[in-house]
Amino acid sequence: MGQIVLLAFLVVQLWSDTIFDRRCVTCHREVALPLKPIFFDYLLHFSSERLVKGAMARQLLNPDPKNSLIPKERRRGYRHQVDPDELDLLLQIYWNRYKVIGRIR
């Protein structure tokens, strides 16, 4: 019986949404601003994981239209509501989800 409960718990954990899905994906879906192209814009511009995450963190915590890589016609004046304590985890999940390093053959 205990093994069945443990197995059920593991299955639920594997299929449940991450904090990234709940905090970022849902809102970006609502405003029709996909996350994948934003990631690639930052990756092309900054080229390394450290620089990409740093630039995204700065932009999320202190938005500045001059530093935004999102084209003007796609910006909607949306202000991210990111908890600074969760930001590193969110950026790590974002990086792991869309990174191409190690996936290209």
PDB file of N, CA and C in Angstrom:
ATOM      1  N   MET A   1       0.829  -1.200   0.000  1.00  0.00           N
ATOM      2  CA  MET A   1       0.000   0.000   0.000  1.00  0.00           C
ATOM      3  C   MET A   1       0.868   1.255   0.000  1.00  0.00           C
ATOM      4  N   GLY A   2       1.895   1.260   0.840  1.00  0.00           N
ATOM      5  CA  GLY A   2       2.782   2.418   0.920  1.00  0.00           C
ATOM      6  C   GLY A   2       3.497   2.677  -0.388  1.00  0.00           C
ATOM      7  N   GLN A   3       3.845   1.599  -1.113  1.00  0.00           N
ATOM      8  CA  GLN A   3       4.522   1.748  -2.392  1.00  0.00           C
ATOM      9  C   GLN A   3       3.608   2.389  -3.438  1.00  0.00           C
ATOM     10  N   ILE A   4       2.331   2.060  -3.380  1.00  0.00           N
ATOM     11  CA  ILE A   4       1.368   2.644  -4.326  1.00  0.00           C
ATOM     12  C   ILE A   4       1.229   4.140  -4.075  1.00  0.00           C
ATOM     13  N   VAL A   5       1.151   4.527  -2.814  1.00  0.00           N
ATOM     14  CA  VAL A   5       1.043   5.947  -2.466  1.00  0.00           C
ATOM     15  C   VAL A   5       2.296   6.680  -2.909  1.00  0.00           C
ATOM     16  N   LEU A   6       3.462   6.101  -2.664  1.00  0.00           N
ATOM     17  CA  LEU A   6       4.716   6.729  -3.068  1.00  0.00           C
ATOM     18  C   LEU A   6       4.786   6.862  -4.586  1.00  0.00           C
ATOM     19  N   LEU A   7       4.404   5.833  -5.306  1.00  0.00           N
ATOM     20  CA  LEU A   7       4.402   5.868  -6.764  1.00  0.00           C
ATOM     21  C   LEU A   7       3.436   6.938  -7.287  1.00  0.00           C
ATOM     22  N   ALA A   8       2.257   7.017  -6.708  1.00  0.00           N
ATOM     23  CA  ALA A   8       1.284   8.037  -7.116  1.00  0.00           C
ATOM     24  C   ALA A   8       1.836   9.441  -6.867  1.00  0.00           C
ATOM     25  N   PHE A   9       2.472   9.633  -5.725  1.00  0.00           N
ATOM     26  CA  PHE A   9       3.067  10.932  -5.401  1.00  0.00           C
ATOM     27  C   PHE A   9       4.144  11.298  -6.422  1.00  0.00           C
ATOM     28  N   LEU A  10       4.987  10.358  -6.788  1.00  0.00           N
ATOM     29  CA  LEU A  10       6.048  10.627  -7.757  1.00  0.00           C
ATOM     30  C   LEU A  10       5.484  10.967  -9.132  1.00  0.00           C
ATOM     31  N   VAL A  11       4.444  10.281  -9.546  1.00  0.00           N
ATOM     32  CA  VAL A  11       3.821  10.561 -10.840  1.00  0.00           C
ATOM     33  C   VAL A  11       3.233  11.965 -10.859  1.00  0.00           C
ATOM     34  N   VAL A  12       2.559  12.343  -9.796  1.00  0.00           N
ATOM     35  CA  VAL A  12       1.979  13.688  -9.705  1.00  0.00           C
ATOM     36  C   VAL A  12       3.087  14.736  -9.746  1.00  0.00           C
ATOM     37  N   GLN A  13       4.170  14.502  -9.040  1.00  0.00           N
ATOM     38  CA  GLN A  13       5.279  15.456  -9.030  1.00  0.00           C
ATOM     39  C   GLN A  13       5.899  15.597 -10.414  1.00  0.00           C
ATOM     40  N   LEU A  14       6.051  14.508 -11.128  1.00  0.00           N
ATOM     41  CA  LEU A  14       6.657  14.558 -12.457  1.00  0.00           C
ATOM     42  C   LEU A  14       5.797  15.310 -13.465  1.00  0.00           C
ATOM     43  N   TRP A  15       4.489  15.207 -13.334  1.00  0.00           N
ATOM     44  CA  TRP A  15       3.587  15.822 -14.302  1.00  0.00           C
ATOM     45  C   TRP A  15       3.091  17.203 -13.886  1.00  0.00           C
ATOM     46  N   SER A  16       3.416  17.635 -12.682  1.00  0.00           N
ATOM     47  CA  SER A  16       2.921  18.942 -12.231  1.00  0.00           C
ATOM     48  C   SER A  16       3.739  20.072 -12.854  1.00  0.00           C
ATOM     49  N   ASP A  17       3.121  21.215 -12.936  1.00  0.00           N
ATOM     50  CA  ASP A  17       3.795  22.392 -13.480  1.00  0.00           C
ATOM     51  C   ASP A  17       4.877  22.867 -12.536  1.00  0.00           C
ATOM     52  N   THR A  18       5.896  23.497 -13.114  1.00  0.00           N
ATOM     53  CA  THR A  18       6.951  24.096 -12.301  1.00  0.00           C
ATOM     54  C   THR A  18       6.527  25.505 -11.891  1.00  0.00           C
ATOM     55  N   ILE A  19       7.294  26.089 -11.012  1.00  0.00           N
ATOM     56  CA  ILE A  19       7.047  27.473 -10.603  1.00  0.00           C
ATOM     57  C   ILE A  19       7.156  28.399 -11.824  1.00  0.00           C
ATOM     58  N   PHE A  20       8.039  28.058 -12.743  1.00  0.00           N
ATOM     59  CA  PHE A  20       8.204  28.827 -13.980  1.00  0.00           C
ATOM     60  C   PHE A  20       6.914  28.802 -14.803  1.00  0.00           C
ATOM     61  N   ASP A  21       6.293  27.616 -14.891  1.00  0.00           N
ATOM     62  CA  ASP A  21       5.036  27.499 -15.639  1.00  0.00           C
ATOM     63  C   ASP A  21       3.932  28.334 -14.997  1.00  0.00           C
ATOM     64  N   ARG A  22       3.888  28.321 -13.683  1.00  0.00           N
ATOM     65  CA  ARG A  22       2.824  29.059 -12.983  1.00  0.00           C
ATOM     66  C   ARG A  22       3.072  30.562 -12.986  1.00  0.00           C
ATOM     67  N   ARG A  23       4.314  30.983 -12.836  1.00  0.00           N
ATOM     68  CA  ARG A  23       4.608  32.410 -12.702  1.00  0.00           C
ATOM     69  C   ARG A  23       4.845  33.118 -14.041  1.00  0.00           C
ATOM     70  N   CYS A  24       5.464  32.428 -14.987  1.00  0.00           N
ATOM     71  CA  CYS A  24       5.891  33.105 -16.218  1.00  0.00           C
ATOM     72  C   CYS A  24       5.068  32.708 -17.449  1.00  0.00           C
ATOM     73  N   VAL A  25       4.961  31.412 -17.675  1.00  0.00           N
ATOM     74  CA  VAL A  25       4.325  30.935 -18.904  1.00  0.00           C
ATOM     75  C   VAL A  25       2.871  31.382 -18.997  1.00  0.00           C
ATOM     76  N   THR A  26       2.133  31.287 -17.902  1.00  0.00           N
ATOM     77  CA  THR A  26       0.709  31.651 -17.959  1.00  0.00           C
ATOM     78  C   THR A  26       0.519  33.110 -18.350  1.00  0.00           C
ATOM     79  N   CYS A  27       1.278  34.004 -17.769  1.00  0.00           N
ATOM     80  CA  CYS A  27       1.125  35.434 -18.094  1.00  0.00           C
ATOM     81  C   CYS A  27       1.585  35.736 -19.512  1.00  0.00           C
ATOM     82  N   HIS A  28       2.706  35.162 -19.925  1.00  0.00           N
ATOM     83  CA  HIS A  28       3.191  35.417 -21.280  1.00  0.00           C
ATOM     84  C   HIS A  28       2.225  34.859 -22.314  1.00  0.00           C
ATOM     85  N   ARG A  29       1.551  33.792 -21.983  1.00  0.00           N
ATOM     86  CA  ARG A  29       0.542  33.236 -22.891  1.00  0.00           C
ATOM     87  C   ARG A  29      -0.642  34.205 -22.999  1.00  0.00           C
ATOM     88  N   GLU A  30      -1.024  34.799 -21.878  1.00  0.00           N
ATOM     89  CA  GLU A  30      -2.160  35.738 -21.865  1.00  0.00           C
ATOM     90  C   GLU A  30      -1.879  36.985 -22.697  1.00  0.00           C
ATOM     91  N   VAL A  31      -0.651  37.493 -22.642  1.00  0.00           N
ATOM     92  CA  VAL A  31      -0.321  38.709 -23.382  1.00  0.00           C
ATOM     93  C   VAL A  31       0.263  38.409 -24.760  1.00  0.00           C
ATOM     94  N   ALA A  32       0.255  37.133 -25.146  1.00  0.00           N
ATOM     95  CA  ALA A  32       0.721  36.696 -26.468  1.00  0.00           C
ATOM     96  C   ALA A  32       2.146  37.156 -26.760  1.00  0.00           C
ATOM     97  N   LEU A  33       3.016  36.968 -25.797  1.00  0.00           N
ATOM     98  CA  LEU A  33       4.430  37.292 -25.955  1.00  0.00           C
ATOM     99  C   LEU A  33       5.229  36.038 -25.596  1.00  0.00           C
ATOM    100  N   PRO A  34       5.506  35.179 -26.586  1.00  0.00           N
ATOM    101  CA  PRO A  34       6.143  33.889 -26.314  1.00  0.00           C
ATOM    102  C   PRO A  34       7.535  34.037 -25.698  1.00  0.00           C
ATOM    103  N   LEU A  35       7.847  33.138 -24.801  1.00  0.00           N
ATOM    104  CA  LEU A  35       9.116  33.182 -24.082  1.00  0.00           C
ATOM    105  C   LEU A  35      10.293  32.681 -24.906  1.00  0.00           C
ATOM    106  N   LYS A  36      10.063  31.736 -25.789  1.00  0.00           N
ATOM    107  CA  LYS A  36      11.166  31.148 -26.543  1.00  0.00           C
ATOM    108  C   LYS A  36      11.892  32.182 -27.419  1.00  0.00           C
ATOM    109  N   PRO A  37      11.188  33.007 -28.202  1.00  0.00           N
ATOM    110  CA  PRO A  37      11.898  34.025 -28.997  1.00  0.00           C
ATOM    111  C   PRO A  37      12.650  35.037 -28.135  1.00  0.00           C
ATOM    112  N   ILE A  38      12.100  35.363 -26.982  1.00  0.00           N
ATOM    113  CA  ILE A  38      12.801  36.285 -26.079  1.00  0.00           C
ATOM    114  C   ILE A  38      14.108  35.661 -25.629  1.00  0.00           C
ATOM    115  N   PHE A  39      14.055  34.381 -25.273  1.00  0.00           N
ATOM    116  CA  PHE A  39      15.258  33.679 -24.840  1.00  0.00           C
ATOM    117  C   PHE A  39      16.325  33.731 -25.934  1.00  0.00           C
ATOM    118  N   PHE A  40      15.935  33.430 -27.172  1.00  0.00           N
ATOM    119  CA  PHE A  40      16.916  33.412 -28.255  1.00  0.00           C
ATOM    120  C   PHE A  40      17.444  34.807 -28.571  1.00  0.00           C
ATOM    121  N   ASP A  41      16.631  35.840 -28.428  1.00  0.00           N
ATOM    122  CA  ASP A  41      17.124  37.211 -28.600  1.00  0.00           C
ATOM    123  C   ASP A  41      18.221  37.508 -27.583  1.00  0.00           C
ATOM    124  N   TYR A  42      17.972  37.144 -26.322  1.00  0.00           N
ATOM    125  CA  TYR A  42      18.974  37.368 -25.282  1.00  0.00           C
ATOM    126  C   TYR A  42      20.214  36.515 -25.525  1.00  0.00           C
ATOM    127  N   LEU A  43      20.030  35.279 -25.945  1.00  0.00           N
ATOM    128  CA  LEU A  43      21.159  34.396 -26.192  1.00  0.00           C
ATOM    129  C   LEU A  43      22.025  34.912 -27.343  1.00  0.00           C
ATOM    130  N   LEU A  44      21.397  35.389 -28.412  1.00  0.00           N
ATOM    131  CA  LEU A  44      22.158  35.943 -29.528  1.00  0.00           C
ATOM    132  C   LEU A  44      22.906  37.212 -29.131  1.00  0.00           C
ATOM    133  N   HIS A  45      22.297  38.012 -28.289  1.00  0.00           N
ATOM    134  CA  HIS A  45      22.901  39.285 -27.910  1.00  0.00           C
ATOM    135  C   HIS A  45      23.989  39.118 -26.845  1.00  0.00           C
ATOM    136  N   PHE A  46      23.762  38.256 -25.863  1.00  0.00           N
ATOM    137  CA  PHE A  46      24.693  38.142 -24.730  1.00  0.00           C
ATOM    138  C   PHE A  46      25.571  36.893 -24.764  1.00  0.00           C
ATOM    139  N   SER A  47      25.154  35.854 -25.433  1.00  0.00           N
ATOM    140  CA  SER A  47      25.919  34.656 -25.782  1.00  0.00           C
ATOM    141  C   SER A  47      26.330  33.688 -24.666  1.00  0.00           C
ATOM    142  N   SER A  48      26.322  34.066 -23.424  1.00  0.00           N
ATOM    143  CA  SER A  48      26.699  33.110 -22.375  1.00  0.00           C
ATOM    144  C   SER A  48      25.604  33.027 -21.318  1.00  0.00           C
ATOM    145  N   GLU A  49      25.565  31.916 -20.629  1.00  0.00           N
ATOM    146  CA  GLU A  49      24.545  31.716 -19.603  1.00  0.00           C
ATOM    147  C   GLU A  49      24.611  32.812 -18.537  1.00  0.00           C
ATOM    148  N   ARG A  50      25.800  33.107 -18.070  1.00  0.00           N
ATOM    149  CA  ARG A  50      25.962  34.116 -17.016  1.00  0.00           C
ATOM    150  C   ARG A  50      25.472  35.491 -17.476  1.00  0.00           C
ATOM    151  N   LEU A  51      25.855  35.885 -18.682  1.00  0.00           N
ATOM    152  CA  LEU A  51      25.454  37.198 -19.190  1.00  0.00           C
ATOM    153  C   LEU A  51      23.962  37.265 -19.502  1.00  0.00           C
ATOM    154  N   VAL A  52      23.420  36.193 -20.063  1.00  0.00           N
ATOM    155  CA  VAL A  52      21.984  36.151 -20.372  1.00  0.00           C
ATOM    156  C   VAL A  52      21.167  36.285 -19.093  1.00  0.00           C
ATOM    157  N   LYS A  53      21.495  35.468 -18.097  1.00  0.00           N
ATOM    158  CA  LYS A  53      20.747  35.505 -16.837  1.00  0.00           C
ATOM    159  C   LYS A  53      20.895  36.859 -16.146  1.00  0.00           C
ATOM    160  N   GLY A  54      22.082  37.437 -16.189  1.00  0.00           N
ATOM    161  CA  GLY A  54      22.306  38.747 -15.571  1.00  0.00           C
ATOM    162  C   GLY A  54      21.484  39.838 -16.237  1.00  0.00           C
ATOM    163  N   ALA A  55      21.478  39.837 -17.568  1.00  0.00           N
ATOM    164  CA  ALA A  55      20.715  40.844 -18.306  1.00  0.00           C
ATOM    165  C   ALA A  55      19.218  40.679 -18.078  1.00  0.00           C
ATOM    166  N   MET A  56      18.758  39.439 -18.068  1.00  0.00           N
ATOM    167  CA  MET A  56      17.332  39.202 -17.825  1.00  0.00           C
ATOM    168  C   MET A  56      16.940  39.621 -16.416  1.00  0.00           C
ATOM    169  N   ALA A  57      17.778  39.298 -15.451  1.00  0.00           N
ATOM    170  CA  ALA A  57      17.483  39.665 -14.062  1.00  0.00           C
ATOM    171  C   ALA A  57      17.398  41.187 -13.923  1.00  0.00           C
ATOM    172  N   ARG A  58      18.352  41.899 -14.515  1.00  0.00           N
ATOM    173  CA  ARG A  58      18.328  43.375 -14.448  1.00  0.00           C
ATOM    174  C   ARG A  58      17.054  43.922 -15.092  1.00  0.00           C
ATOM    175  N   GLN A  59      16.699  43.381 -16.248  1.00  0.00           N
ATOM    176  CA  GLN A  59      15.526  43.878 -16.965  1.00  0.00           C
ATOM    177  C   GLN A  59      14.235  43.547 -16.222  1.00  0.00           C
ATOM    178  N   LEU A  60      14.169  42.367 -15.601  1.00  0.00           N
ATOM    179  CA  LEU A  60      12.954  41.985 -14.879  1.00  0.00           C
ATOM    180  C   LEU A  60      12.772  42.789 -13.595  1.00  0.00           C
ATOM    181  N   LEU A  61      13.868  43.053 -12.900  1.00  0.00           N
ATOM    182  CA  LEU A  61      13.767  43.775 -11.630  1.00  0.00           C
ATOM    183  C   LEU A  61      13.665  45.283 -11.813  1.00  0.00           C
ATOM    184  N   ASN A  62      14.313  45.805 -12.848  1.00  0.00           N
ATOM    185  CA  ASN A  62      14.291  47.242 -13.127  1.00  0.00           C
ATOM    186  C   ASN A  62      14.079  47.469 -14.619  1.00  0.00           C
ATOM    187  N   PRO A  63      12.857  47.308 -15.098  1.00  0.00           N
ATOM    188  CA  PRO A  63      12.602  47.411 -16.540  1.00  0.00           C
ATOM    189  C   PRO A  63      12.987  48.778 -17.098  1.00  0.00           C
ATOM    190  N   ASP A  64      13.694  48.736 -18.207  1.00  0.00           N
ATOM    191  CA  ASP A  64      14.112  49.957 -18.886  1.00  0.00           C
ATOM    192  C   ASP A  64      13.899  49.742 -20.385  1.00  0.00           C
ATOM    193  N   PRO A  65      12.978  50.475 -20.998  1.00  0.00           N
ATOM    194  CA  PRO A  65      12.709  50.282 -22.425  1.00  0.00           C
ATOM    195  C   PRO A  65      13.961  50.428 -23.296  1.00  0.00           C
ATOM    196  N   LYS A  66      14.923  51.239 -22.863  1.00  0.00           N
ATOM    197  CA  LYS A  66      16.144  51.421 -23.649  1.00  0.00           C
ATOM    198  C   LYS A  66      16.973  50.140 -23.708  1.00  0.00           C
ATOM    199  N   ASN A  67      16.883  49.314 -22.667  1.00  0.00           N
ATOM    200  CA  ASN A  67      17.686  48.095 -22.603  1.00  0.00           C
ATOM    201  C   ASN A  67      16.913  46.849 -23.019  1.00  0.00           C
ATOM    202  N   SER A  68      15.663  46.996 -23.358  1.00  0.00           N
ATOM    203  CA  SER A  68      14.834  45.845 -23.719  1.00  0.00           C
ATOM    204  C   SER A  68      15.216  45.320 -25.101  1.00  0.00           C
ATOM    205  N   LEU A  69      15.257  44.012 -25.221  1.00  0.00           N
ATOM    206  CA  LEU A  69      15.528  43.395 -26.520  1.00  0.00           C
ATOM    207  C   LEU A  69      14.241  43.065 -27.270  1.00  0.00           C
ATOM    208  N   ILE A  70      13.118  43.292 -26.631  1.00  0.00           N
ATOM    209  CA  ILE A  70      11.830  43.057 -27.277  1.00  0.00           C
ATOM    210  C   ILE A  70      11.539  44.244 -28.197  1.00  0.00           C
ATOM    211  N   PRO A  71      11.213  43.983 -29.460  1.00  0.00           N
ATOM    212  CA  PRO A  71      10.927  45.091 -30.383  1.00  0.00           C
ATOM    213  C   PRO A  71       9.793  45.981 -29.863  1.00  0.00           C
ATOM    214  N   LYS A  72       9.882  47.248 -30.147  1.00  0.00           N
ATOM    215  CA  LYS A  72       8.900  48.221 -29.644  1.00  0.00           C
ATOM    216  C   LYS A  72       7.462  47.838 -29.970  1.00  0.00           C
ATOM    217  N   GLU A  73       7.249  47.331 -31.178  1.00  0.00           N
ATOM    218  CA  GLU A  73       5.878  46.995 -31.572  1.00  0.00           C
ATOM    219  C   GLU A  73       5.315  45.813 -30.780  1.00  0.00           C
ATOM    220  N   ARG A  74       6.156  45.044 -30.113  1.00  0.00           N
ATOM    221  CA  ARG A  74       5.678  43.895 -29.331  1.00  0.00           C
ATOM    222  C   ARG A  74       5.607  44.202 -27.837  1.00  0.00           C
ATOM    223  N   ARG A  75       6.172  45.333 -27.422  1.00  0.00           N
ATOM    224  CA  ARG A  75       6.103  45.701 -26.002  1.00  0.00           C
ATOM    225  C   ARG A  75       4.717  46.202 -25.677  1.00  0.00           C
ATOM    226  N   ARG A  76       4.252  45.875 -24.508  1.00  0.00           N
ATOM    227  CA  ARG A  76       2.898  46.280 -24.126  1.00  0.00           C
ATOM    228  C   ARG A  76       2.863  47.027 -22.801  1.00  0.00           C
ATOM    229  N   GLY A  77       3.986  47.449 -22.304  1.00  0.00           N
ATOM    230  CA  GLY A  77       4.004  48.165 -21.035  1.00  0.00           C
ATOM    231  C   GLY A  77       3.730  47.273 -19.845  1.00  0.00           C
ATOM    232  N   TYR A  78       3.857  45.974 -20.051  1.00  0.00           N
ATOM    233  CA  TYR A  78       3.599  45.022 -18.965  1.00  0.00           C
ATOM    234  C   TYR A  78       4.743  45.052 -17.967  1.00  0.00           C
ATOM    235  N   ARG A  79       4.412  45.133 -16.712  1.00  0.00           N
ATOM    236  CA  ARG A  79       5.420  45.137 -15.645  1.00  0.00           C
ATOM    237  C   ARG A  79       5.426  43.755 -14.986  1.00  0.00           C
ATOM    238  N   HIS A  80       6.557  43.108 -15.054  1.00  0.00           N
ATOM    239  CA  HIS A  80       6.681  41.787 -14.442  1.00  0.00           C
ATOM    240  C   HIS A  80       6.554  41.893 -12.933  1.00  0.00           C
ATOM    241  N   GLN A  81       5.896  40.931 -12.364  1.00  0.00           N
ATOM    242  CA  GLN A  81       5.773  40.859 -10.916  1.00  0.00           C
ATOM    243  C   GLN A  81       6.573  39.657 -10.445  1.00  0.00           C
ATOM    244  N   VAL A  82       7.885  39.851 -10.370  1.00  0.00           N
ATOM    245  CA  VAL A  82       8.804  38.772 -10.035  1.00  0.00           C
ATOM    246  C   VAL A  82       9.312  38.973  -8.621  1.00  0.00           C
ATOM    247  N   ASP A  83       9.234  37.921  -7.843  1.00  0.00           N
ATOM    248  CA  ASP A  83       9.784  37.936  -6.496  1.00  0.00           C
ATOM    249  C   ASP A  83      11.297  37.779  -6.618  1.00  0.00           C
ATOM    250  N   PRO A  84      12.083  38.751  -6.161  1.00  0.00           N
ATOM    251  CA  PRO A  84      13.540  38.666  -6.278  1.00  0.00           C
ATOM    252  C   PRO A  84      14.119  37.389  -5.652  1.00  0.00           C
ATOM    253  N   ASP A  85      13.444  36.854  -4.639  1.00  0.00           N
ATOM    254  CA  ASP A  85      13.926  35.627  -4.006  1.00  0.00           C
ATOM    255  C   ASP A  85      13.750  34.412  -4.912  1.00  0.00           C
ATOM    256  N   GLU A  86      12.811  34.463  -5.825  1.00  0.00           N
ATOM    257  CA  GLU A  86      12.548  33.345  -6.734  1.00  0.00           C
ATOM    258  C   GLU A  86      13.219  33.526  -8.088  1.00  0.00           C
ATOM    259  N   LEU A  87      13.773  34.692  -8.340  1.00  0.00           N
ATOM    260  CA  LEU A  87      14.272  35.023  -9.672  1.00  0.00           C
ATOM    261  C   LEU A  87      15.361  34.064 -10.152  1.00  0.00           C
ATOM    262  N   ASP A  88      16.319  33.722  -9.316  1.00  0.00           N
ATOM    263  CA  ASP A  88      17.389  32.818  -9.743  1.00  0.00           C
ATOM    264  C   ASP A  88      16.835  31.463 -10.164  1.00  0.00           C
ATOM    265  N   LEU A  89      15.890  30.941  -9.394  1.00  0.00           N
ATOM    266  CA  LEU A  89      15.281  29.663  -9.733  1.00  0.00           C
ATOM    267  C   LEU A  89      14.502  29.758 -11.047  1.00  0.00           C
ATOM    268  N   LEU A  90      13.733  30.825 -11.222  1.00  0.00           N
ATOM    269  CA  LEU A  90      12.969  31.006 -12.452  1.00  0.00           C
ATOM    270  C   LEU A  90      13.890  31.101 -13.672  1.00  0.00           C
ATOM    271  N   LEU A  91      14.979  31.852 -13.546  1.00  0.00           N
ATOM    272  CA  LEU A  91      15.908  31.978 -14.664  1.00  0.00           C
ATOM    273  C   LEU A  91      16.623  30.665 -14.953  1.00  0.00           C
ATOM    274  N   GLN A  92      16.900  29.887 -13.931  1.00  0.00           N
ATOM    275  CA  GLN A  92      17.545  28.587 -14.141  1.00  0.00           C
ATOM    276  C   GLN A  92      16.616  27.634 -14.895  1.00  0.00           C
ATOM    277  N   ILE A  93      15.355  27.606 -14.494  1.00  0.00           N
ATOM    278  CA  ILE A  93      14.378  26.767 -15.194  1.00  0.00           C
ATOM    279  C   ILE A  93      14.226  27.247 -16.640  1.00  0.00           C
ATOM    280  N   TYR A  94      14.138  28.560 -16.828  1.00  0.00           N
ATOM    281  CA  TYR A  94      14.024  29.151 -18.168  1.00  0.00           C
ATOM    282  C   TYR A  94      15.219  28.748 -19.026  1.00  0.00           C
ATOM    283  N   TRP A  95      16.417  28.880 -18.477  1.00  0.00           N
ATOM    284  CA  TRP A  95      17.632  28.524 -19.197  1.00  0.00           C
ATOM    285  C   TRP A  95      17.614  27.043 -19.582  1.00  0.00           C
ATOM    286  N   ASN A  96      17.300  26.178 -18.637  1.00  0.00           N
ATOM    287  CA  ASN A  96      17.301  24.738 -18.905  1.00  0.00           C
ATOM    288  C   ASN A  96      16.246  24.332 -19.930  1.00  0.00           C
ATOM    289  N   ARG A  97      15.145  25.022 -19.954  1.00  0.00           N
ATOM    290  CA  ARG A  97      14.065  24.674 -20.875  1.00  0.00           C
ATOM    291  C   ARG A  97      14.409  25.021 -22.322  1.00  0.00           C
ATOM    292  N   TYR A  98      15.056  26.164 -22.549  1.00  0.00           N
ATOM    293  CA  TYR A  98      15.253  26.641 -23.922  1.00  0.00           C
ATOM    294  C   TYR A  98      16.695  26.622 -24.408  1.00  0.00           C
ATOM    295  N   LYS A  99      17.644  26.248 -23.575  1.00  0.00           N
ATOM    296  CA  LYS A  99      19.048  26.292 -24.013  1.00  0.00           C
ATOM    297  C   LYS A  99      19.272  25.351 -25.189  1.00  0.00           C
ATOM    298  N   VAL A 100      20.197  25.731 -26.049  1.00  0.00           N
ATOM    299  CA  VAL A 100      20.528  24.900 -27.199  1.00  0.00           C
ATOM    300  C   VAL A 100      21.900  24.265 -27.013  1.00  0.00           C
ATOM    301  N   ILE A 101      22.663  24.767 -26.086  1.00  0.00           N
ATOM    302  CA  ILE A 101      23.997  24.244 -25.835  1.00  0.00           C
ATOM    303  C   ILE A 101      23.861  22.796 -25.346  1.00  0.00           C
ATOM    304  N   GLY A 102      24.557  21.903 -25.992  1.00  0.00           N
ATOM    305  CA  GLY A 102      24.478  20.493 -25.647  1.00  0.00           C
ATOM    306  C   GLY A 102      23.364  19.754 -26.357  1.00  0.00           C
ATOM    307  N   ARG A 103      22.517  20.459 -27.078  1.00  0.00           N
ATOM    308  CA  ARG A 103      21.399  19.810 -27.789  1.00  0.00           C
ATOM    309  C   ARG A 103      21.634  19.764 -29.295  1.00  0.00           C
ATOM    310  N   ILE A 104      22.552  20.566 -29.769  1.00  0.00           N
ATOM    311  CA  ILE A 104      22.830  20.614 -31.211  1.00  0.00           C
ATOM    312  C   ILE A 104      23.840  19.531 -31.539  1.00  0.00           C
ATOM    313  N   ARG A 105      23.556  18.768 -32.578  1.00  0.00           N
ATOM    314  CA  ARG A 105      24.493  17.707 -32.992  1.00  0.00           C
ATOM    315  C   ARG A 105      24.924  17.910 -34.398  1.00  0.00           C
TER     316      ARG A 105
END
